[in-house]
Amino acid sequence: TWDAGIGAEIMGRNKFGPQRGPWEDDEWKGWWGANP
């Protein structure tokens, strides 16, 4: 049931990646690959 009727998601930064503070690696695109 997780995706039925969903139009947007909100997540915290720590779900997106392990970085802290100012972004030092703009190449990081999350743990999910090219097609999240």
ModelCIF file with pLDDT and N, C-alpha, C, O atoms, coordinates in Angstrom:
data_MODEL
#
_entry.id   MODEL 
#
_entity.id                         1 
_entity.type                       polymer 
_entity.pdbx_number_of_molecules   1 
#
_entity_poly.entity_id                      1 
_entity_poly.type                           'polypeptide(L)' 
_entity_poly.nstd_linkage                   no 
_entity_poly.nstd_monomer                   no 
_entity_poly.pdbx_seq_one_letter_code       TWDAGIGAEIMGRNKFGPQRGPWEDDEWKGWWGANP 
_entity_poly.pdbx_seq_one_letter_code_can   TWDAGIGAEIMGRNKFGPQRGPWEDDEWKGWWGANP 
_entity_poly.pdbx_strand_id                 A 
#
loop_
_entity_poly_seq.entity_id 
_entity_poly_seq.num 
_entity_poly_seq.mon_id 
_entity_poly_seq.hetero 
1 1  THR n 
1 2  TRP n 
1 3  ASP n 
1 4  ALA n 
1 5  GLY n 
1 6  ILE n 
1 7  GLY n 
1 8  ALA n 
1 9  GLU n 
1 10 ILE n 
1 11 MET n 
1 12 GLY n 
1 13 ARG n 
1 14 ASN n 
1 15 LYS n 
1 16 PHE n 
1 17 GLY n 
1 18 PRO n 
1 19 GLN n 
1 20 ARG n 
1 21 GLY n 
1 22 PRO n 
1 23 TRP n 
1 24 GLU n 
1 25 ASP n 
1 26 ASP n 
1 27 GLU n 
1 28 TRP n 
1 29 LYS n 
1 30 GLY n 
1 31 TRP n 
1 32 TRP n 
1 33 GLY n 
1 34 ALA n 
1 35 ASN n 
1 36 PRO n 
#
_struct_asym.id          A 
_struct_asym.entity_id   1 
#
loop_
_ma_qa_metric.id 
_ma_qa_metric.mode 
_ma_qa_metric.name 
_ma_qa_metric.software_group_id 
_ma_qa_metric.type 
1 global pLDDT . pLDDT 
2 local  pLDDT . pLDDT 
#
_ma_qa_metric_global.metric_id      1 
_ma_qa_metric_global.metric_value   92.67 
_ma_qa_metric_global.model_id       1 
_ma_qa_metric_global.ordinal_id     1 
#
loop_
_ma_qa_metric_local.label_asym_id 
_ma_qa_metric_local.label_comp_id 
_ma_qa_metric_local.label_seq_id 
_ma_qa_metric_local.metric_id 
_ma_qa_metric_local.metric_value 
_ma_qa_metric_local.model_id 
_ma_qa_metric_local.ordinal_id 
A THR 1  2 93.00 1 1  
A TRP 2  2 93.00 1 2  
A ASP 3  2 93.00 1 3  
A ALA 4  2 94.00 1 4  
A GLY 5  2 97.00 1 5  
A ILE 6  2 98.00 1 6  
A GLY 7  2 98.00 1 7  
A ALA 8  2 98.00 1 8  
A GLU 9  2 98.00 1 9  
A ILE 10 2 98.00 1 10 
A MET 11 2 98.00 1 11 
A GLY 12 2 97.00 1 12 
A ARG 13 2 96.00 1 13 
A ASN 14 2 95.00 1 14 
A LYS 15 2 96.00 1 15 
A PHE 16 2 96.00 1 16 
A GLY 17 2 93.00 1 17 
A PRO 18 2 92.00 1 18 
A GLN 19 2 91.00 1 19 
A ARG 20 2 90.00 1 20 
A GLY 21 2 93.00 1 21 
A PRO 22 2 93.00 1 22 
A TRP 23 2 91.00 1 23 
A GLU 24 2 85.00 1 24 
A ASP 25 2 77.00 1 25 
A ASP 26 2 81.00 1 26 
A GLU 27 2 84.00 1 27 
A TRP 28 2 88.00 1 28 
A LYS 29 2 91.00 1 29 
A GLY 30 2 92.00 1 30 
A TRP 31 2 92.00 1 31 
A TRP 32 2 93.00 1 32 
A GLY 33 2 91.00 1 33 
A ALA 34 2 93.00 1 34 
A ASN 35 2 93.00 1 35 
A PRO 36 2 95.00 1 36 
#
loop_
_atom_site.group_PDB 
_atom_site.id 
_atom_site.type_symbol 
_atom_site.label_atom_id 
_atom_site.label_alt_id 
_atom_site.label_comp_id 
_atom_site.label_asym_id 
_atom_site.label_entity_id 
_atom_site.label_seq_id 
_atom_site.pdbx_PDB_ins_code 
_atom_site.Cartn_x 
_atom_site.Cartn_y 
_atom_site.Cartn_z 
_atom_site.occupancy 
_atom_site.B_iso_or_equiv 
_atom_site.pdbx_formal_charge 
_atom_site.auth_seq_id 
_atom_site.auth_comp_id 
_atom_site.auth_asym_id 
_atom_site.auth_atom_id 
_atom_site.pdbx_PDB_model_num 
ATOM 1   N N  . THR A 1 1  ? 0.814  -1.224 0.000   1.00 93.00 ? 1  THR A N  1 
ATOM 2   C CA . THR A 1 1  ? 0.000  0.000  0.000   1.00 93.00 ? 1  THR A CA 1 
ATOM 3   C C  . THR A 1 1  ? 0.843  1.268  0.000   1.00 93.00 ? 1  THR A C  1 
ATOM 4   O O  . THR A 1 1  ? 0.294  2.369  0.001   1.00 93.00 ? 1  THR A O  1 
ATOM 5   N N  . TRP A 1 2  ? 2.146  1.135  -0.001  1.00 93.00 ? 2  TRP A N  1 
ATOM 6   C CA . TRP A 1 2  ? 3.027  2.281  0.266   1.00 93.00 ? 2  TRP A CA 1 
ATOM 7   C C  . TRP A 1 2  ? 3.001  3.358  -0.825  1.00 93.00 ? 2  TRP A C  1 
ATOM 8   O O  . TRP A 1 2  ? 3.236  4.530  -0.534  1.00 93.00 ? 2  TRP A O  1 
ATOM 9   N N  . ASP A 1 3  ? 2.716  2.971  -2.085  1.00 93.00 ? 3  ASP A N  1 
ATOM 10  C CA . ASP A 1 3  ? 2.828  3.966  -3.153  1.00 93.00 ? 3  ASP A CA 1 
ATOM 11  C C  . ASP A 1 3  ? 1.504  4.330  -3.806  1.00 93.00 ? 3  ASP A C  1 
ATOM 12  O O  . ASP A 1 3  ? 1.478  5.205  -4.672  1.00 93.00 ? 3  ASP A O  1 
ATOM 13  N N  . ALA A 1 4  ? 0.408  3.692  -3.423  1.00 94.00 ? 4  ALA A N  1 
ATOM 14  C CA . ALA A 1 4  ? -0.874 3.990  -4.060  1.00 94.00 ? 4  ALA A CA 1 
ATOM 15  C C  . ALA A 1 4  ? -1.327 5.401  -3.702  1.00 94.00 ? 4  ALA A C  1 
ATOM 16  O O  . ALA A 1 4  ? -1.496 5.722  -2.525  1.00 94.00 ? 4  ALA A O  1 
ATOM 17  N N  . GLY A 1 5  ? -1.522 6.236  -4.708  1.00 97.00 ? 5  GLY A N  1 
ATOM 18  C CA . GLY A 1 5  ? -2.035 7.576  -4.480  1.00 97.00 ? 5  GLY A CA 1 
ATOM 19  C C  . GLY A 1 5  ? -1.038 8.572  -3.932  1.00 97.00 ? 5  GLY A C  1 
ATOM 20  O O  . GLY A 1 5  ? -1.435 9.620  -3.422  1.00 97.00 ? 5  GLY A O  1 
ATOM 21  N N  . ILE A 1 6  ? 0.247  8.274  -4.023  1.00 98.00 ? 6  ILE A N  1 
ATOM 22  C CA . ILE A 1 6  ? 1.283  9.177  -3.511  1.00 98.00 ? 6  ILE A CA 1 
ATOM 23  C C  . ILE A 1 6  ? 1.761  10.101 -4.634  1.00 98.00 ? 6  ILE A C  1 
ATOM 24  O O  . ILE A 1 6  ? 2.089  9.646  -5.730  1.00 98.00 ? 6  ILE A O  1 
ATOM 25  N N  . GLY A 1 7  ? 1.794  11.412 -4.345  1.00 98.00 ? 7  GLY A N  1 
ATOM 26  C CA . GLY A 1 7  ? 2.233  12.376 -5.337  1.00 98.00 ? 7  GLY A CA 1 
ATOM 27  C C  . GLY A 1 7  ? 3.532  13.069 -5.016  1.00 98.00 ? 7  GLY A C  1 
ATOM 28  O O  . GLY A 1 7  ? 4.088  13.760 -5.870  1.00 98.00 ? 7  GLY A O  1 
ATOM 29  N N  . ALA A 1 8  ? 4.042  12.900 -3.778  1.00 98.00 ? 8  ALA A N  1 
ATOM 30  C CA . ALA A 1 8  ? 5.313  13.505 -3.380  1.00 98.00 ? 8  ALA A CA 1 
ATOM 31  C C  . ALA A 1 8  ? 5.764  12.851 -2.082  1.00 98.00 ? 8  ALA A C  1 
ATOM 32  O O  . ALA A 1 8  ? 4.951  12.299 -1.341  1.00 98.00 ? 8  ALA A O  1 
ATOM 33  N N  . GLU A 1 9  ? 7.056  12.916 -1.814  1.00 98.00 ? 9  GLU A N  1 
ATOM 34  C CA . GLU A 1 9  ? 7.610  12.386 -0.566  1.00 98.00 ? 9  GLU A CA 1 
ATOM 35  C C  . GLU A 1 9  ? 8.450  13.466 0.105   1.00 98.00 ? 9  GLU A C  1 
ATOM 36  O O  . GLU A 1 9  ? 9.054  14.314 -0.554  1.00 98.00 ? 9  GLU A O  1 
ATOM 37  N N  . ILE A 1 10 ? 8.471  13.410 1.443   1.00 98.00 ? 10 ILE A N  1 
ATOM 38  C CA . ILE A 1 10 ? 9.378  14.224 2.256   1.00 98.00 ? 10 ILE A CA 1 
ATOM 39  C C  . ILE A 1 10 ? 10.273 13.266 3.030   1.00 98.00 ? 10 ILE A C  1 
ATOM 40  O O  . ILE A 1 10 ? 9.782  12.322 3.649   1.00 98.00 ? 10 ILE A O  1 
ATOM 41  N N  . MET A 1 11 ? 11.569 13.499 3.002   1.00 98.00 ? 11 MET A N  1 
ATOM 42  C CA . MET A 1 11 ? 12.492 12.667 3.777   1.00 98.00 ? 11 MET A CA 1 
ATOM 43  C C  . MET A 1 11 ? 13.542 13.541 4.440   1.00 98.00 ? 11 MET A C  1 
ATOM 44  O O  . MET A 1 11 ? 13.798 14.663 4.004   1.00 98.00 ? 11 MET A O  1 
ATOM 45  N N  . GLY A 1 12 ? 14.142 13.021 5.492   1.00 97.00 ? 12 GLY A N  1 
ATOM 46  C CA . GLY A 1 12 ? 15.257 13.693 6.132   1.00 97.00 ? 12 GLY A CA 1 
ATOM 47  C C  . GLY A 1 12 ? 16.545 13.476 5.360   1.00 97.00 ? 12 GLY A C  1 
ATOM 48  O O  . GLY A 1 12 ? 16.651 12.561 4.544   1.00 97.00 ? 12 GLY A O  1 
ATOM 49  N N  . ARG A 1 13 ? 17.512 14.323 5.628   1.00 96.00 ? 13 ARG A N  1 
ATOM 50  C CA . ARG A 1 13 ? 18.777 14.221 4.909   1.00 96.00 ? 13 ARG A CA 1 
ATOM 51  C C  . ARG A 1 13 ? 19.467 12.886 5.159   1.00 96.00 ? 13 ARG A C  1 
ATOM 52  O O  . ARG A 1 13 ? 20.110 12.346 4.258   1.00 96.00 ? 13 ARG A O  1 
ATOM 53  N N  . ASN A 1 14 ? 19.342 12.343 6.375   1.00 95.00 ? 14 ASN A N  1 
ATOM 54  C CA . ASN A 1 14 ? 20.033 11.098 6.685   1.00 95.00 ? 14 ASN A CA 1 
ATOM 55  C C  . ASN A 1 14 ? 19.443 9.903  5.961   1.00 95.00 ? 14 ASN A C  1 
ATOM 56  O O  . ASN A 1 14 ? 20.097 8.866  5.846   1.00 95.00 ? 14 ASN A O  1 
ATOM 57  N N  . LYS A 1 15 ? 18.202 10.032 5.466   1.00 96.00 ? 15 LYS A N  1 
ATOM 58  C CA . LYS A 1 15 ? 17.688 8.967  4.602   1.00 96.00 ? 15 LYS A CA 1 
ATOM 59  C C  . LYS A 1 15 ? 18.288 9.074  3.213   1.00 96.00 ? 15 LYS A C  1 
ATOM 60  O O  . LYS A 1 15 ? 18.512 8.060  2.552   1.00 96.00 ? 15 LYS A O  1 
ATOM 61  N N  . PHE A 1 16 ? 18.548 10.288 2.769   1.00 96.00 ? 16 PHE A N  1 
ATOM 62  C CA . PHE A 1 16 ? 19.125 10.466 1.438   1.00 96.00 ? 16 PHE A CA 1 
ATOM 63  C C  . PHE A 1 16 ? 20.576 10.000 1.388   1.00 96.00 ? 16 PHE A C  1 
ATOM 64  O O  . PHE A 1 16 ? 21.003 9.421  0.389   1.00 96.00 ? 16 PHE A O  1 
ATOM 65  N N  . GLY A 1 17 ? 21.339 10.244 2.453   1.00 93.00 ? 17 GLY A N  1 
ATOM 66  C CA . GLY A 1 17 ? 22.747 9.870  2.417   1.00 93.00 ? 17 GLY A CA 1 
ATOM 67  C C  . GLY A 1 17 ? 23.416 10.060 3.754   1.00 93.00 ? 17 GLY A C  1 
ATOM 68  O O  . GLY A 1 17 ? 22.818 10.635 4.664   1.00 93.00 ? 17 GLY A O  1 
ATOM 69  N N  . PRO A 1 18 ? 24.666 9.583  3.903   1.00 92.00 ? 18 PRO A N  1 
ATOM 70  C CA . PRO A 1 18 ? 25.364 9.634  5.184   1.00 92.00 ? 18 PRO A CA 1 
ATOM 71  C C  . PRO A 1 18 ? 26.137 10.919 5.428   1.00 92.00 ? 18 PRO A C  1 
ATOM 72  O O  . PRO A 1 18 ? 26.780 11.047 6.470   1.00 92.00 ? 18 PRO A O  1 
ATOM 73  N N  . GLN A 1 19 ? 26.099 11.878 4.505   1.00 91.00 ? 19 GLN A N  1 
ATOM 74  C CA . GLN A 1 19 ? 26.893 13.091 4.646   1.00 91.00 ? 19 GLN A CA 1 
ATOM 75  C C  . GLN A 1 19 ? 26.337 13.981 5.759   1.00 91.00 ? 19 GLN A C  1 
ATOM 76  O O  . GLN A 1 19 ? 25.136 13.970 6.031   1.00 91.00 ? 19 GLN A O  1 
ATOM 77  N N  . ARG A 1 20 ? 27.202 14.733 6.385   1.00 90.00 ? 20 ARG A N  1 
ATOM 78  C CA . ARG A 1 20 ? 26.806 15.703 7.399   1.00 90.00 ? 20 ARG A CA 1 
ATOM 79  C C  . ARG A 1 20 ? 27.432 17.055 7.046   1.00 90.00 ? 20 ARG A C  1 
ATOM 80  O O  . ARG A 1 20 ? 28.473 17.104 6.390   1.00 90.00 ? 20 ARG A O  1 
ATOM 81  N N  . GLY A 1 21 ? 26.800 18.148 7.478   1.00 93.00 ? 21 GLY A N  1 
ATOM 82  C CA . GLY A 1 21 ? 27.351 19.470 7.230   1.00 93.00 ? 21 GLY A CA 1 
ATOM 83  C C  . GLY A 1 21 ? 27.200 19.889 5.779   1.00 93.00 ? 21 GLY A C  1 
ATOM 84  O O  . GLY A 1 21 ? 26.377 19.327 5.056   1.00 93.00 ? 21 GLY A O  1 
ATOM 85  N N  . PRO A 1 22 ? 27.992 20.880 5.336   1.00 93.00 ? 22 PRO A N  1 
ATOM 86  C CA . PRO A 1 22 ? 27.923 21.333 3.938   1.00 93.00 ? 22 PRO A CA 1 
ATOM 87  C C  . PRO A 1 22 ? 28.193 20.173 2.980   1.00 93.00 ? 22 PRO A C  1 
ATOM 88  O O  . PRO A 1 22 ? 28.986 19.280 3.277   1.00 93.00 ? 22 PRO A O  1 
ATOM 89  N N  . TRP A 1 23 ? 27.520 20.201 1.824   1.00 91.00 ? 23 TRP A N  1 
ATOM 90  C CA . TRP A 1 23 ? 27.700 19.144 0.835   1.00 91.00 ? 23 TRP A CA 1 
ATOM 91  C C  . TRP A 1 23 ? 29.116 19.220 0.255   1.00 91.00 ? 23 TRP A C  1 
ATOM 92  O O  . TRP A 1 23 ? 29.532 20.258 -0.259  1.00 91.00 ? 23 TRP A O  1 
ATOM 93  N N  . GLU A 1 24 ? 29.831 18.129 0.345   1.00 85.00 ? 24 GLU A N  1 
ATOM 94  C CA . GLU A 1 24 ? 31.177 18.070 -0.211  1.00 85.00 ? 24 GLU A CA 1 
ATOM 95  C C  . GLU A 1 24 ? 31.246 17.205 -1.459  1.00 85.00 ? 24 GLU A C  1 
ATOM 96  O O  . GLU A 1 24 ? 32.227 17.249 -2.201  1.00 85.00 ? 24 GLU A O  1 
ATOM 97  N N  . ASP A 1 25 ? 30.187 16.408 -1.691  1.00 77.00 ? 25 ASP A N  1 
ATOM 98  C CA . ASP A 1 25 ? 30.195 15.491 -2.826  1.00 77.00 ? 25 ASP A CA 1 
ATOM 99  C C  . ASP A 1 25 ? 28.865 15.602 -3.551  1.00 77.00 ? 25 ASP A C  1 
ATOM 100 O O  . ASP A 1 25 ? 27.902 14.925 -3.192  1.00 77.00 ? 25 ASP A O  1 
ATOM 101 N N  . ASP A 1 26 ? 28.806 16.452 -4.570  1.00 81.00 ? 26 ASP A N  1 
ATOM 102 C CA . ASP A 1 26 ? 27.583 16.622 -5.342  1.00 81.00 ? 26 ASP A CA 1 
ATOM 103 C C  . ASP A 1 26 ? 27.291 15.436 -6.239  1.00 81.00 ? 26 ASP A C  1 
ATOM 104 O O  . ASP A 1 26 ? 26.215 15.361 -6.833  1.00 81.00 ? 26 ASP A O  1 
ATOM 105 N N  . GLU A 1 27 ? 28.219 14.519 -6.346  1.00 84.00 ? 27 GLU A N  1 
ATOM 106 C CA . GLU A 1 27 ? 28.004 13.339 -7.183  1.00 84.00 ? 27 GLU A CA 1 
ATOM 107 C C  . GLU A 1 27 ? 27.137 12.299 -6.490  1.00 84.00 ? 27 GLU A C  1 
ATOM 108 O O  . GLU A 1 27 ? 26.590 11.415 -7.149  1.00 84.00 ? 27 GLU A O  1 
ATOM 109 N N  . TRP A 1 28 ? 27.002 12.391 -5.158  1.00 88.00 ? 28 TRP A N  1 
ATOM 110 C CA . TRP A 1 28 ? 26.179 11.414 -4.426  1.00 88.00 ? 28 TRP A CA 1 
ATOM 111 C C  . TRP A 1 28 ? 24.718 11.636 -4.788  1.00 88.00 ? 28 TRP A C  1 
ATOM 112 O O  . TRP A 1 28 ? 24.201 12.747 -4.672  1.00 88.00 ? 28 TRP A O  1 
ATOM 113 N N  . LYS A 1 29 ? 24.050 10.555 -5.231  1.00 91.00 ? 29 LYS A N  1 
ATOM 114 C CA . LYS A 1 29 ? 22.672 10.649 -5.678  1.00 91.00 ? 29 LYS A CA 1 
ATOM 115 C C  . LYS A 1 29 ? 21.750 9.714  -4.894  1.00 91.00 ? 29 LYS A C  1 
ATOM 116 O O  . LYS A 1 29 ? 20.674 9.351  -5.370  1.00 91.00 ? 29 LYS A O  1 
ATOM 117 N N  . GLY A 1 30 ? 22.174 9.330  -3.701  1.00 92.00 ? 30 GLY A N  1 
ATOM 118 C CA . GLY A 1 30 ? 21.337 8.467  -2.874  1.00 92.00 ? 30 GLY A CA 1 
ATOM 119 C C  . GLY A 1 30 ? 21.703 7.005  -3.027  1.00 92.00 ? 30 GLY A C  1 
ATOM 120 O O  . GLY A 1 30 ? 22.508 6.626  -3.878  1.00 92.00 ? 30 GLY A O  1 
ATOM 121 N N  . TRP A 1 31 ? 21.085 6.187  -2.171  1.00 92.00 ? 31 TRP A N  1 
ATOM 122 C CA . TRP A 1 31 ? 21.400 4.758  -2.131  1.00 92.00 ? 31 TRP A CA 1 
ATOM 123 C C  . TRP A 1 31 ? 20.647 3.946  -3.179  1.00 92.00 ? 31 TRP A C  1 
ATOM 124 O O  . TRP A 1 31 ? 20.815 2.727  -3.224  1.00 92.00 ? 31 TRP A O  1 
ATOM 125 N N  . TRP A 1 32 ? 19.823 4.569  -4.025  1.00 93.00 ? 32 TRP A N  1 
ATOM 126 C CA . TRP A 1 32 ? 18.865 3.826  -4.839  1.00 93.00 ? 32 TRP A CA 1 
ATOM 127 C C  . TRP A 1 32 ? 19.260 3.690  -6.300  1.00 93.00 ? 32 TRP A C  1 
ATOM 128 O O  . TRP A 1 32 ? 18.503 3.104  -7.075  1.00 93.00 ? 32 TRP A O  1 
ATOM 129 N N  . GLY A 1 33 ? 20.403 4.201  -6.706  1.00 91.00 ? 33 GLY A N  1 
ATOM 130 C CA . GLY A 1 33 ? 20.817 4.091  -8.092  1.00 91.00 ? 33 GLY A CA 1 
ATOM 131 C C  . GLY A 1 33 ? 20.197 5.175  -8.958  1.00 91.00 ? 33 GLY A C  1 
ATOM 132 O O  . GLY A 1 33 ? 19.625 6.142  -8.455  1.00 91.00 ? 33 GLY A O  1 
ATOM 133 N N  . ALA A 1 34 ? 20.319 4.999  -10.271 1.00 93.00 ? 34 ALA A N  1 
ATOM 134 C CA . ALA A 1 34 ? 19.899 6.026  -11.213 1.00 93.00 ? 34 ALA A CA 1 
ATOM 135 C C  . ALA A 1 34 ? 18.383 6.180  -11.294 1.00 93.00 ? 34 ALA A C  1 
ATOM 136 O O  . ALA A 1 34 ? 17.885 7.239  -11.677 1.00 93.00 ? 34 ALA A O  1 
ATOM 137 N N  . ASN A 1 35 ? 17.649 5.124  -10.934 1.00 93.00 ? 35 ASN A N  1 
ATOM 138 C CA . ASN A 1 35 ? 16.187 5.151  -11.015 1.00 93.00 ? 35 ASN A CA 1 
ATOM 139 C C  . ASN A 1 35 ? 15.606 4.820  -9.643  1.00 93.00 ? 35 ASN A C  1 
ATOM 140 O O  . ASN A 1 35 ? 15.223 3.676  -9.398  1.00 93.00 ? 35 ASN A O  1 
ATOM 141 N N  . PRO A 1 36 ? 15.533 5.808  -8.740  1.00 95.00 ? 36 PRO A N  1 
ATOM 142 C CA . PRO A 1 36 ? 15.012 5.552  -7.391  1.00 95.00 ? 36 PRO A CA 1 
ATOM 143 C C  . PRO A 1 36 ? 13.561 5.094  -7.432  1.00 95.00 ? 36 PRO A C  1 
ATOM 144 O O  . PRO A 1 36 ? 12.966 4.835  -6.386  1.00 95.00 ? 36 PRO A O  1 
#
